[in-house]
Amino acid sequence: MCENYGPHKKYYPYLQSLQRFDSPLVTADDDVLYPRDWLKELAEAFQDFPDVINCHRARAMVINERGIGKYDNWKFASSAKPSCNHIATGVAGVIYPPEFLRYLHSAGAGFVYRCLRADDLWLHVQAIRAGYRIRQIRPQPLKLLSIPGAEGIGLWKTNMFGGNDSQIASTYDAEDIQRLFVMQE
């Protein structure tokens, strides 16, 4: 049992429970079915690329000199190359390195006021601030099957139709946007 942190319940209570982080953390959603080797692939990705955040599915953030583009225009990533413009989508599974967990722990619960309904965005901005890139473990994003009946209650409905854009505006500051613009490939 924990306070209702919305989608941040996947990781935040764990962060609060520890002072040391010696192992990576894997997060996932509970409303989809995962392939048999899903976790093994995340663990192998971490072994091969321990200095990035590895995931099964990411979106490619649109950014230009005017700022961050509308979320509706972000396509799924089509590369396994680490990028600051990739946003790991937690629904498919993400593995976070221990050093990043230490940084995230020190960032605290600022998400409550800035981005309560979009853990993917909060985790991304913290990754960028900590100097991490995100890597989709293969060029094609993992395709998932929803658990029947679960797809009608997900956050994706409100977040996809404008909710993410307002959370982006309250989460990423001018320094973050400049960092993303300079760091992009």
N, C-alpha and C. Protein backbone atom coordinates (compact mmCIF):
# COMPACT_ATOMS: atom_id res chain seq x y z
N MET A 1 0.85 -1.18 0.00
CA MET A 1 0.00 0.00 0.00
C MET A 1 0.89 1.24 0.00
N CYS A 2 0.47 2.20 -0.81
CA CYS A 2 1.22 3.45 -0.86
C CYS A 2 0.27 4.57 -1.23
N GLU A 3 0.77 5.78 -1.11
CA GLU A 3 0.01 6.95 -1.54
C GLU A 3 -0.26 6.81 -3.04
N ASN A 4 -1.35 7.38 -3.50
CA ASN A 4 -1.70 7.26 -4.91
C ASN A 4 -0.91 8.27 -5.74
N TYR A 5 0.20 7.80 -6.27
CA TYR A 5 1.04 8.63 -7.14
C TYR A 5 0.73 8.39 -8.61
N GLY A 6 -0.43 7.83 -8.90
CA GLY A 6 -0.79 7.55 -10.28
C GLY A 6 0.23 6.62 -10.91
N PRO A 7 0.65 6.90 -12.15
CA PRO A 7 1.60 6.02 -12.83
C PRO A 7 2.98 6.01 -12.17
N HIS A 8 3.25 6.96 -11.31
CA HIS A 8 4.54 7.01 -10.62
C HIS A 8 4.64 5.93 -9.54
N LYS A 9 3.54 5.23 -9.28
CA LYS A 9 3.57 4.13 -8.31
C LYS A 9 4.47 3.00 -8.78
N LYS A 10 4.79 2.98 -10.07
CA LYS A 10 5.67 1.92 -10.61
C LYS A 10 7.08 1.99 -10.04
N TYR A 11 7.52 3.16 -9.64
CA TYR A 11 8.91 3.30 -9.21
C TYR A 11 9.08 4.12 -7.93
N TYR A 12 8.23 5.13 -7.69
CA TYR A 12 8.50 6.07 -6.62
C TYR A 12 8.48 5.45 -5.22
N PRO A 13 7.52 4.61 -4.88
CA PRO A 13 7.58 3.98 -3.55
C PRO A 13 8.87 3.16 -3.35
N TYR A 14 9.33 2.52 -4.41
CA TYR A 14 10.60 1.78 -4.34
C TYR A 14 11.74 2.75 -4.05
N LEU A 15 11.78 3.88 -4.74
CA LEU A 15 12.84 4.87 -4.50
C LEU A 15 12.83 5.36 -3.05
N GLN A 16 11.64 5.58 -2.53
CA GLN A 16 11.51 6.05 -1.16
C GLN A 16 11.96 5.01 -0.14
N SER A 17 11.87 3.75 -0.50
CA SER A 17 12.15 2.68 0.46
C SER A 17 13.64 2.40 0.65
N LEU A 18 14.48 2.94 -0.22
CA LEU A 18 15.92 2.65 -0.15
C LEU A 18 16.75 3.93 -0.08
N GLN A 19 17.94 3.79 0.46
CA GLN A 19 18.92 4.87 0.45
C GLN A 19 20.08 4.54 -0.49
N ARG A 20 20.25 3.24 -0.79
CA ARG A 20 21.31 2.77 -1.69
C ARG A 20 20.67 2.05 -2.86
N PHE A 21 21.26 2.23 -4.02
CA PHE A 21 20.75 1.57 -5.22
C PHE A 21 21.92 0.85 -5.89
N ASP A 22 21.94 -0.46 -5.71
CA ASP A 22 23.03 -1.27 -6.25
C ASP A 22 22.62 -2.07 -7.47
N SER A 23 21.33 -2.18 -7.71
CA SER A 23 20.80 -2.98 -8.82
C SER A 23 19.91 -2.12 -9.69
N PRO A 24 19.77 -2.49 -10.96
CA PRO A 24 18.84 -1.75 -11.82
C PRO A 24 17.40 -2.03 -11.41
N LEU A 25 16.50 -1.18 -11.85
CA LEU A 25 15.07 -1.34 -11.60
C LEU A 25 14.36 -1.51 -12.93
N VAL A 26 13.51 -2.52 -13.01
CA VAL A 26 12.68 -2.73 -14.20
C VAL A 26 11.26 -2.30 -13.85
N THR A 27 10.66 -1.51 -14.73
CA THR A 27 9.26 -1.13 -14.57
C THR A 27 8.45 -1.64 -15.76
N ALA A 28 7.16 -1.84 -15.51
CA ALA A 28 6.25 -2.30 -16.55
C ALA A 28 4.83 -1.98 -16.11
N ASP A 29 3.91 -2.09 -17.02
CA ASP A 29 2.49 -1.88 -16.70
C ASP A 29 1.84 -3.23 -16.40
N ASP A 30 0.70 -3.16 -15.76
CA ASP A 30 0.00 -4.39 -15.38
C ASP A 30 -1.21 -4.68 -16.26
N ASP A 31 -1.35 -3.96 -17.36
CA ASP A 31 -2.54 -4.16 -18.19
C ASP A 31 -2.23 -4.66 -19.59
N VAL A 32 -1.02 -5.22 -19.78
CA VAL A 32 -0.63 -5.80 -21.06
C VAL A 32 0.02 -7.17 -20.83
N LEU A 33 0.07 -7.95 -21.90
CA LEU A 33 0.73 -9.25 -21.86
C LEU A 33 2.13 -9.11 -22.46
N TYR A 34 3.11 -9.73 -21.81
CA TYR A 34 4.49 -9.61 -22.25
C TYR A 34 4.99 -10.93 -22.82
N PRO A 35 5.87 -10.86 -23.83
CA PRO A 35 6.46 -12.09 -24.39
C PRO A 35 7.31 -12.81 -23.34
N ARG A 36 7.52 -14.08 -23.54
CA ARG A 36 8.24 -14.93 -22.60
C ARG A 36 9.65 -14.40 -22.27
N ASP A 37 10.38 -13.88 -23.25
CA ASP A 37 11.76 -13.45 -23.01
C ASP A 37 11.90 -11.94 -22.77
N TRP A 38 10.82 -11.30 -22.47
CA TRP A 38 10.76 -9.85 -22.26
C TRP A 38 11.78 -9.37 -21.23
N LEU A 39 11.74 -9.95 -20.03
CA LEU A 39 12.64 -9.52 -18.96
C LEU A 39 14.09 -9.88 -19.27
N LYS A 40 14.31 -11.04 -19.84
CA LYS A 40 15.66 -11.46 -20.21
C LYS A 40 16.28 -10.46 -21.19
N GLU A 41 15.50 -10.00 -22.15
CA GLU A 41 16.02 -9.03 -23.12
C GLU A 41 16.37 -7.70 -22.46
N LEU A 42 15.58 -7.26 -21.50
CA LEU A 42 15.91 -6.02 -20.78
C LEU A 42 17.20 -6.21 -19.98
N ALA A 43 17.34 -7.34 -19.30
CA ALA A 43 18.54 -7.61 -18.50
C ALA A 43 19.78 -7.67 -19.40
N GLU A 44 19.66 -8.31 -20.55
CA GLU A 44 20.79 -8.38 -21.48
C GLU A 44 21.13 -7.00 -22.03
N ALA A 45 20.13 -6.19 -22.31
CA ALA A 45 20.38 -4.83 -22.80
C ALA A 45 21.13 -4.02 -21.75
N PHE A 46 20.74 -4.18 -20.49
CA PHE A 46 21.46 -3.48 -19.42
C PHE A 46 22.91 -3.96 -19.33
N GLN A 47 23.14 -5.26 -19.47
CA GLN A 47 24.51 -5.80 -19.42
C GLN A 47 25.36 -5.24 -20.56
N ASP A 48 24.77 -5.13 -21.74
CA ASP A 48 25.49 -4.64 -22.91
C ASP A 48 25.63 -3.12 -22.95
N PHE A 49 24.65 -2.42 -22.41
CA PHE A 49 24.62 -0.95 -22.45
C PHE A 49 24.23 -0.41 -21.07
N PRO A 50 25.13 -0.53 -20.07
CA PRO A 50 24.76 -0.16 -18.71
C PRO A 50 24.70 1.35 -18.45
N ASP A 51 25.19 2.15 -19.39
CA ASP A 51 25.24 3.59 -19.18
C ASP A 51 24.10 4.35 -19.84
N VAL A 52 23.09 3.63 -20.31
CA VAL A 52 21.91 4.26 -20.89
C VAL A 52 20.67 3.64 -20.24
N ILE A 53 19.53 4.23 -20.48
CA ILE A 53 18.26 3.67 -20.05
C ILE A 53 17.74 2.86 -21.22
N ASN A 54 17.58 1.57 -21.03
CA ASN A 54 17.14 0.66 -22.09
C ASN A 54 15.64 0.39 -21.95
N CYS A 55 14.97 0.27 -23.09
CA CYS A 55 13.53 0.03 -23.07
C CYS A 55 13.12 -0.79 -24.29
N HIS A 56 11.93 -1.34 -24.22
CA HIS A 56 11.39 -2.09 -25.35
C HIS A 56 10.66 -1.18 -26.36
N ARG A 57 10.24 -0.01 -25.90
CA ARG A 57 9.51 0.87 -26.81
C ARG A 57 9.74 2.32 -26.41
N ALA A 58 9.97 3.16 -27.42
CA ALA A 58 10.20 4.58 -27.17
C ALA A 58 9.50 5.42 -28.24
N ARG A 59 9.23 6.63 -27.88
CA ARG A 59 8.75 7.62 -28.85
C ARG A 59 9.88 8.59 -29.13
N ALA A 60 9.91 9.10 -30.35
CA ALA A 60 10.94 10.07 -30.75
C ALA A 60 10.37 11.47 -30.60
N MET A 61 10.86 12.18 -29.61
CA MET A 61 10.41 13.55 -29.34
C MET A 61 10.77 14.44 -30.51
N VAL A 62 9.84 15.29 -30.90
CA VAL A 62 10.09 16.29 -31.94
C VAL A 62 10.55 17.56 -31.23
N ILE A 63 11.74 18.04 -31.60
CA ILE A 63 12.26 19.26 -31.00
C ILE A 63 12.97 20.09 -32.06
N ASN A 64 12.77 21.39 -31.99
CA ASN A 64 13.43 22.30 -32.92
C ASN A 64 13.71 23.61 -32.20
N GLU A 65 14.16 24.59 -32.93
CA GLU A 65 14.52 25.87 -32.30
C GLU A 65 13.33 26.56 -31.61
N ARG A 66 12.11 26.18 -31.95
CA ARG A 66 10.92 26.76 -31.31
C ARG A 66 10.53 26.01 -30.03
N GLY A 67 11.11 24.83 -29.83
CA GLY A 67 10.81 24.07 -28.62
C GLY A 67 10.37 22.65 -28.93
N ILE A 68 9.62 22.08 -28.00
CA ILE A 68 9.16 20.70 -28.12
C ILE A 68 7.86 20.67 -28.91
N GLY A 69 7.81 19.83 -29.91
CA GLY A 69 6.61 19.71 -30.74
C GLY A 69 5.48 18.98 -30.03
N LYS A 70 4.29 19.10 -30.57
CA LYS A 70 3.11 18.44 -29.98
C LYS A 70 3.30 16.94 -29.90
N TYR A 71 2.84 16.37 -28.82
CA TYR A 71 3.00 14.93 -28.57
C TYR A 71 2.38 14.10 -29.69
N ASP A 72 1.28 14.56 -30.26
CA ASP A 72 0.62 13.83 -31.35
C ASP A 72 1.56 13.59 -32.53
N ASN A 73 2.59 14.42 -32.68
CA ASN A 73 3.52 14.29 -33.80
C ASN A 73 4.72 13.40 -33.50
N TRP A 74 4.81 12.88 -32.30
CA TRP A 74 5.94 12.02 -31.95
C TRP A 74 5.65 10.61 -32.44
N LYS A 75 6.50 10.09 -33.28
CA LYS A 75 6.36 8.73 -33.80
C LYS A 75 7.09 7.76 -32.87
N PHE A 76 6.83 6.48 -33.06
CA PHE A 76 7.61 5.48 -32.33
C PHE A 76 9.04 5.51 -32.86
N ALA A 77 9.99 5.30 -31.98
CA ALA A 77 11.40 5.28 -32.37
C ALA A 77 11.64 4.15 -33.37
N SER A 78 12.57 4.37 -34.26
CA SER A 78 12.89 3.38 -35.29
C SER A 78 14.39 3.10 -35.32
N SER A 79 15.01 3.19 -34.15
CA SER A 79 16.45 2.99 -34.04
C SER A 79 16.77 2.38 -32.68
N ALA A 80 17.86 1.63 -32.64
CA ALA A 80 18.37 1.09 -31.38
C ALA A 80 19.56 1.92 -30.90
N LYS A 81 19.77 3.06 -31.50
CA LYS A 81 20.86 3.95 -31.10
C LYS A 81 20.40 4.81 -29.91
N PRO A 82 21.20 4.93 -28.86
CA PRO A 82 20.81 5.78 -27.73
C PRO A 82 20.59 7.22 -28.17
N SER A 83 19.57 7.85 -27.63
CA SER A 83 19.23 9.21 -28.02
C SER A 83 18.59 9.97 -26.85
N CYS A 84 18.90 11.23 -26.76
CA CYS A 84 18.24 12.07 -25.75
C CYS A 84 16.80 12.38 -26.16
N ASN A 85 16.49 12.20 -27.43
CA ASN A 85 15.14 12.49 -27.93
C ASN A 85 14.20 11.30 -27.83
N HIS A 86 14.70 10.17 -27.41
CA HIS A 86 13.82 9.02 -27.21
C HIS A 86 13.20 9.09 -25.82
N ILE A 87 11.90 8.86 -25.77
CA ILE A 87 11.16 8.82 -24.51
C ILE A 87 10.75 7.38 -24.29
N ALA A 88 11.30 6.74 -23.27
CA ALA A 88 10.92 5.36 -22.97
C ALA A 88 9.45 5.33 -22.56
N THR A 89 8.69 4.46 -23.20
CA THR A 89 7.29 4.30 -22.80
C THR A 89 7.21 3.11 -21.85
N GLY A 90 6.88 3.40 -20.62
CA GLY A 90 6.91 2.41 -19.56
C GLY A 90 6.03 1.21 -19.78
N VAL A 91 4.99 1.37 -20.58
CA VAL A 91 4.06 0.27 -20.80
C VAL A 91 4.77 -0.97 -21.34
N ALA A 92 5.81 -0.80 -22.13
CA ALA A 92 6.49 -1.94 -22.75
C ALA A 92 7.64 -2.47 -21.91
N GLY A 93 8.06 -1.74 -20.89
CA GLY A 93 9.13 -2.17 -20.02
C GLY A 93 10.39 -1.36 -20.20
N VAL A 94 10.97 -0.95 -19.07
CA VAL A 94 12.17 -0.12 -19.05
C VAL A 94 13.08 -0.65 -17.94
N ILE A 95 14.37 -0.60 -18.15
CA ILE A 95 15.34 -0.94 -17.10
C ILE A 95 16.20 0.30 -16.84
N TYR A 96 16.21 0.72 -15.56
CA TYR A 96 16.91 1.93 -15.14
C TYR A 96 18.18 1.57 -14.38
N PRO A 97 19.33 2.14 -14.78
CA PRO A 97 20.60 1.86 -14.09
C PRO A 97 20.60 2.39 -12.65
N PRO A 98 21.37 1.75 -11.76
CA PRO A 98 21.43 2.20 -10.36
C PRO A 98 21.84 3.67 -10.20
N GLU A 99 22.80 4.14 -11.00
CA GLU A 99 23.22 5.54 -10.88
C GLU A 99 22.08 6.49 -11.19
N PHE A 100 21.28 6.13 -12.19
CA PHE A 100 20.12 6.97 -12.50
C PHE A 100 19.13 6.95 -11.34
N LEU A 101 18.94 5.80 -10.72
CA LEU A 101 18.03 5.71 -9.58
C LEU A 101 18.48 6.62 -8.44
N ARG A 102 19.78 6.71 -8.24
CA ARG A 102 20.31 7.63 -7.22
C ARG A 102 19.94 9.08 -7.56
N TYR A 103 20.11 9.44 -8.82
CA TYR A 103 19.75 10.79 -9.24
C TYR A 103 18.25 11.03 -9.07
N LEU A 104 17.46 10.07 -9.51
CA LEU A 104 16.00 10.18 -9.43
C LEU A 104 15.54 10.30 -7.98
N HIS A 105 16.17 9.55 -7.10
CA HIS A 105 15.85 9.62 -5.67
C HIS A 105 16.06 11.04 -5.16
N SER A 106 17.15 11.66 -5.56
CA SER A 106 17.44 13.03 -5.10
C SER A 106 16.50 14.06 -5.71
N ALA A 107 15.87 13.74 -6.85
CA ALA A 107 14.92 14.67 -7.49
C ALA A 107 13.62 14.77 -6.70
N GLY A 108 13.32 13.77 -5.89
CA GLY A 108 12.14 13.83 -5.04
C GLY A 108 10.83 13.70 -5.79
N ALA A 109 9.80 14.28 -5.20
CA ALA A 109 8.43 14.12 -5.70
C ALA A 109 7.93 15.35 -6.47
N GLY A 110 8.80 16.03 -7.16
CA GLY A 110 8.39 17.20 -7.94
C GLY A 110 7.35 16.88 -9.00
N PHE A 111 7.27 15.61 -9.39
CA PHE A 111 6.28 15.19 -10.39
C PHE A 111 4.85 15.46 -9.92
N VAL A 112 4.62 15.47 -8.62
CA VAL A 112 3.26 15.67 -8.09
C VAL A 112 2.69 16.99 -8.59
N TYR A 113 3.54 18.02 -8.70
CA TYR A 113 3.07 19.35 -9.09
C TYR A 113 3.25 19.62 -10.58
N ARG A 114 4.08 18.86 -11.24
CA ARG A 114 4.38 19.15 -12.64
C ARG A 114 3.80 18.16 -13.62
N CYS A 115 3.74 16.89 -13.25
CA CYS A 115 3.47 15.88 -14.26
C CYS A 115 2.93 14.60 -13.62
N LEU A 116 1.91 14.73 -12.83
CA LEU A 116 1.38 13.61 -12.05
C LEU A 116 0.87 12.47 -12.91
N ARG A 117 0.40 12.76 -14.11
CA ARG A 117 -0.21 11.72 -14.93
C ARG A 117 0.68 11.23 -16.08
N ALA A 118 1.96 11.63 -16.07
CA ALA A 118 2.85 11.23 -17.17
C ALA A 118 4.23 10.86 -16.63
N ASP A 119 4.33 9.68 -16.06
CA ASP A 119 5.62 9.23 -15.52
C ASP A 119 6.69 9.15 -16.60
N ASP A 120 6.33 8.78 -17.81
CA ASP A 120 7.32 8.68 -18.89
C ASP A 120 8.02 10.03 -19.12
N LEU A 121 7.26 11.11 -19.08
CA LEU A 121 7.83 12.44 -19.29
C LEU A 121 8.73 12.84 -18.12
N TRP A 122 8.26 12.61 -16.91
CA TRP A 122 9.05 12.96 -15.73
C TRP A 122 10.37 12.18 -15.72
N LEU A 123 10.29 10.89 -15.99
CA LEU A 123 11.50 10.06 -16.01
C LEU A 123 12.45 10.50 -17.12
N HIS A 124 11.89 10.93 -18.25
CA HIS A 124 12.74 11.42 -19.35
C HIS A 124 13.46 12.71 -18.98
N VAL A 125 12.73 13.67 -18.43
CA VAL A 125 13.38 14.94 -18.12
C VAL A 125 14.45 14.73 -17.06
N GLN A 126 14.21 13.83 -16.12
CA GLN A 126 15.23 13.54 -15.11
C GLN A 126 16.44 12.85 -15.75
N ALA A 127 16.18 11.96 -16.71
CA ALA A 127 17.27 11.30 -17.41
C ALA A 127 18.14 12.32 -18.14
N ILE A 128 17.52 13.25 -18.83
CA ILE A 128 18.25 14.27 -19.58
C ILE A 128 19.06 15.14 -18.62
N ARG A 129 18.45 15.52 -17.51
CA ARG A 129 19.17 16.34 -16.53
C ARG A 129 20.36 15.60 -15.94
N ALA A 130 20.24 14.28 -15.83
CA ALA A 130 21.34 13.46 -15.28
C ALA A 130 22.34 13.04 -16.35
N GLY A 131 22.10 13.40 -17.61
CA GLY A 131 23.03 13.08 -18.68
C GLY A 131 22.84 11.71 -19.32
N TYR A 132 21.66 11.10 -19.15
CA TYR A 132 21.39 9.79 -19.74
C TYR A 132 20.67 9.90 -21.07
N ARG A 133 20.99 8.98 -21.95
CA ARG A 133 20.26 8.80 -23.20
C ARG A 133 19.39 7.56 -23.06
N ILE A 134 18.40 7.46 -23.92
CA ILE A 134 17.46 6.34 -23.89
C ILE A 134 17.69 5.51 -25.14
N ARG A 135 17.67 4.19 -24.95
CA ARG A 135 17.92 3.27 -26.06
C ARG A 135 16.78 2.25 -26.15
N GLN A 136 16.13 2.22 -27.29
CA GLN A 136 15.16 1.17 -27.59
C GLN A 136 15.99 -0.05 -27.99
N ILE A 137 15.74 -1.20 -27.40
CA ILE A 137 16.68 -2.32 -27.55
C ILE A 137 16.72 -2.95 -28.93
N ARG A 138 15.76 -2.65 -29.76
CA ARG A 138 15.83 -3.08 -31.17
C ARG A 138 15.21 -1.96 -32.01
N PRO A 139 15.48 -1.92 -33.29
CA PRO A 139 14.96 -0.81 -34.11
C PRO A 139 13.43 -0.71 -34.14
N GLN A 140 12.75 -1.82 -34.01
CA GLN A 140 11.28 -1.79 -34.02
C GLN A 140 10.76 -1.85 -32.58
N PRO A 141 9.78 -1.02 -32.25
CA PRO A 141 9.23 -1.08 -30.90
C PRO A 141 8.47 -2.40 -30.67
N LEU A 142 8.49 -2.85 -29.44
CA LEU A 142 7.78 -4.06 -29.07
C LEU A 142 6.27 -3.85 -29.25
N LYS A 143 5.62 -4.78 -29.90
CA LYS A 143 4.17 -4.73 -30.04
C LYS A 143 3.57 -5.49 -28.87
N LEU A 144 2.55 -4.92 -28.26
CA LEU A 144 1.96 -5.48 -27.06
C LEU A 144 0.51 -5.85 -27.26
N LEU A 145 0.07 -6.81 -26.49
CA LEU A 145 -1.34 -7.18 -26.46
C LEU A 145 -1.93 -6.72 -25.15
N SER A 146 -3.03 -5.98 -25.23
CA SER A 146 -3.70 -5.53 -24.01
C SER A 146 -4.47 -6.68 -23.39
N ILE A 147 -4.56 -6.64 -22.08
CA ILE A 147 -5.41 -7.59 -21.38
C ILE A 147 -6.85 -7.19 -21.69
N PRO A 148 -7.66 -8.11 -22.17
CA PRO A 148 -9.05 -7.76 -22.52
C PRO A 148 -9.77 -7.05 -21.38
N GLY A 149 -10.37 -5.93 -21.73
CA GLY A 149 -11.11 -5.12 -20.76
C GLY A 149 -10.29 -4.03 -20.10
N ALA A 150 -8.96 -4.13 -20.16
CA ALA A 150 -8.10 -3.15 -19.49
C ALA A 150 -7.88 -1.89 -20.33
N GLU A 151 -7.99 -2.00 -21.64
CA GLU A 151 -7.65 -0.85 -22.50
C GLU A 151 -8.60 0.33 -22.35
N GLY A 152 -9.78 0.14 -21.80
CA GLY A 152 -10.73 1.23 -21.66
C GLY A 152 -10.46 2.16 -20.50
N ILE A 153 -9.53 1.78 -19.60
CA ILE A 153 -9.32 2.58 -18.39
C ILE A 153 -7.93 3.22 -18.31
N GLY A 154 -7.13 3.10 -19.33
CA GLY A 154 -5.75 3.58 -19.28
C GLY A 154 -5.61 5.08 -19.35
N LEU A 155 -4.45 5.56 -18.86
CA LEU A 155 -4.12 6.98 -18.92
C LEU A 155 -3.94 7.47 -20.34
N TRP A 156 -3.64 6.57 -21.26
CA TRP A 156 -3.31 6.98 -22.62
C TRP A 156 -4.40 7.83 -23.23
N LYS A 157 -5.66 7.61 -22.86
CA LYS A 157 -6.75 8.38 -23.48
C LYS A 157 -6.62 9.87 -23.18
N THR A 158 -6.44 10.23 -21.92
CA THR A 158 -6.32 11.65 -21.60
C THR A 158 -4.97 12.20 -22.01
N ASN A 159 -3.92 11.41 -21.86
CA ASN A 159 -2.58 11.91 -22.20
C ASN A 159 -2.40 12.10 -23.70
N MET A 160 -2.94 11.21 -24.51
CA MET A 160 -2.77 11.32 -25.96
C MET A 160 -3.54 12.51 -26.55
N PHE A 161 -4.62 12.90 -25.92
CA PHE A 161 -5.46 13.96 -26.49
C PHE A 161 -5.27 15.26 -25.74
N GLY A 162 -4.02 15.74 -25.69
CA GLY A 162 -3.71 17.04 -25.13
C GLY A 162 -3.12 17.01 -23.73
N GLY A 163 -3.37 15.95 -22.98
CA GLY A 163 -2.86 15.88 -21.61
C GLY A 163 -1.34 15.89 -21.54
N ASN A 164 -0.68 15.18 -22.44
CA ASN A 164 0.78 15.16 -22.43
C ASN A 164 1.35 16.52 -22.78
N ASP A 165 0.73 17.26 -23.70
CA ASP A 165 1.25 18.57 -24.07
C ASP A 165 1.26 19.53 -22.89
N SER A 166 0.22 19.52 -22.07
CA SER A 166 0.19 20.41 -20.90
C SER A 166 1.22 19.96 -19.86
N GLN A 167 1.42 18.65 -19.73
CA GLN A 167 2.43 18.17 -18.78
C GLN A 167 3.84 18.44 -19.28
N ILE A 168 4.05 18.39 -20.59
CA ILE A 168 5.35 18.76 -21.16
C ILE A 168 5.66 20.21 -20.82
N ALA A 169 4.68 21.07 -21.00
CA ALA A 169 4.87 22.50 -20.74
C ALA A 169 5.21 22.77 -19.28
N SER A 170 4.66 21.99 -18.36
CA SER A 170 4.94 22.24 -16.94
C SER A 170 6.18 21.47 -16.43
N THR A 171 6.71 20.56 -17.24
CA THR A 171 7.83 19.72 -16.79
C THR A 171 9.17 20.18 -17.35
N TYR A 172 9.24 20.45 -18.63
CA TYR A 172 10.50 20.82 -19.28
C TYR A 172 10.68 22.33 -19.21
N ASP A 173 11.80 22.78 -18.64
CA ASP A 173 12.06 24.21 -18.60
C ASP A 173 12.94 24.61 -19.79
N ALA A 174 13.24 25.89 -19.91
CA ALA A 174 14.01 26.39 -21.04
C ALA A 174 15.38 25.74 -21.12
N GLU A 175 16.00 25.48 -19.99
CA GLU A 175 17.31 24.83 -19.97
C GLU A 175 17.23 23.40 -20.49
N ASP A 176 16.16 22.69 -20.12
CA ASP A 176 15.96 21.32 -20.63
C ASP A 176 15.80 21.33 -22.14
N ILE A 177 15.01 22.26 -22.64
CA ILE A 177 14.75 22.33 -24.08
C ILE A 177 16.04 22.65 -24.83
N GLN A 178 16.82 23.58 -24.29
CA GLN A 178 18.11 23.92 -24.91
C GLN A 178 19.03 22.70 -24.90
N ARG A 179 19.09 22.00 -23.78
CA ARG A 179 19.94 20.80 -23.66
C ARG A 179 19.52 19.77 -24.70
N LEU A 180 18.21 19.52 -24.84
CA LEU A 180 17.72 18.57 -25.82
C LEU A 180 18.06 18.99 -27.24
N PHE A 181 17.90 20.26 -27.53
CA PHE A 181 18.17 20.76 -28.89
C PHE A 181 19.64 20.59 -29.23
N VAL A 182 20.52 20.87 -28.29
CA VAL A 182 21.97 20.77 -28.52
C VAL A 182 22.41 19.29 -28.60
N MET A 183 21.82 18.45 -27.76
CA MET A 183 22.27 17.05 -27.66
C MET A 183 21.72 16.16 -28.79
N GLN A 184 20.68 16.61 -29.47
CA GLN A 184 20.07 15.72 -30.47
C GLN A 184 21.03 15.42 -31.62
N GLU A 185 20.82 14.24 -32.20
CA GLU A 185 21.69 13.80 -33.28
C GLU A 185 21.34 14.50 -34.58
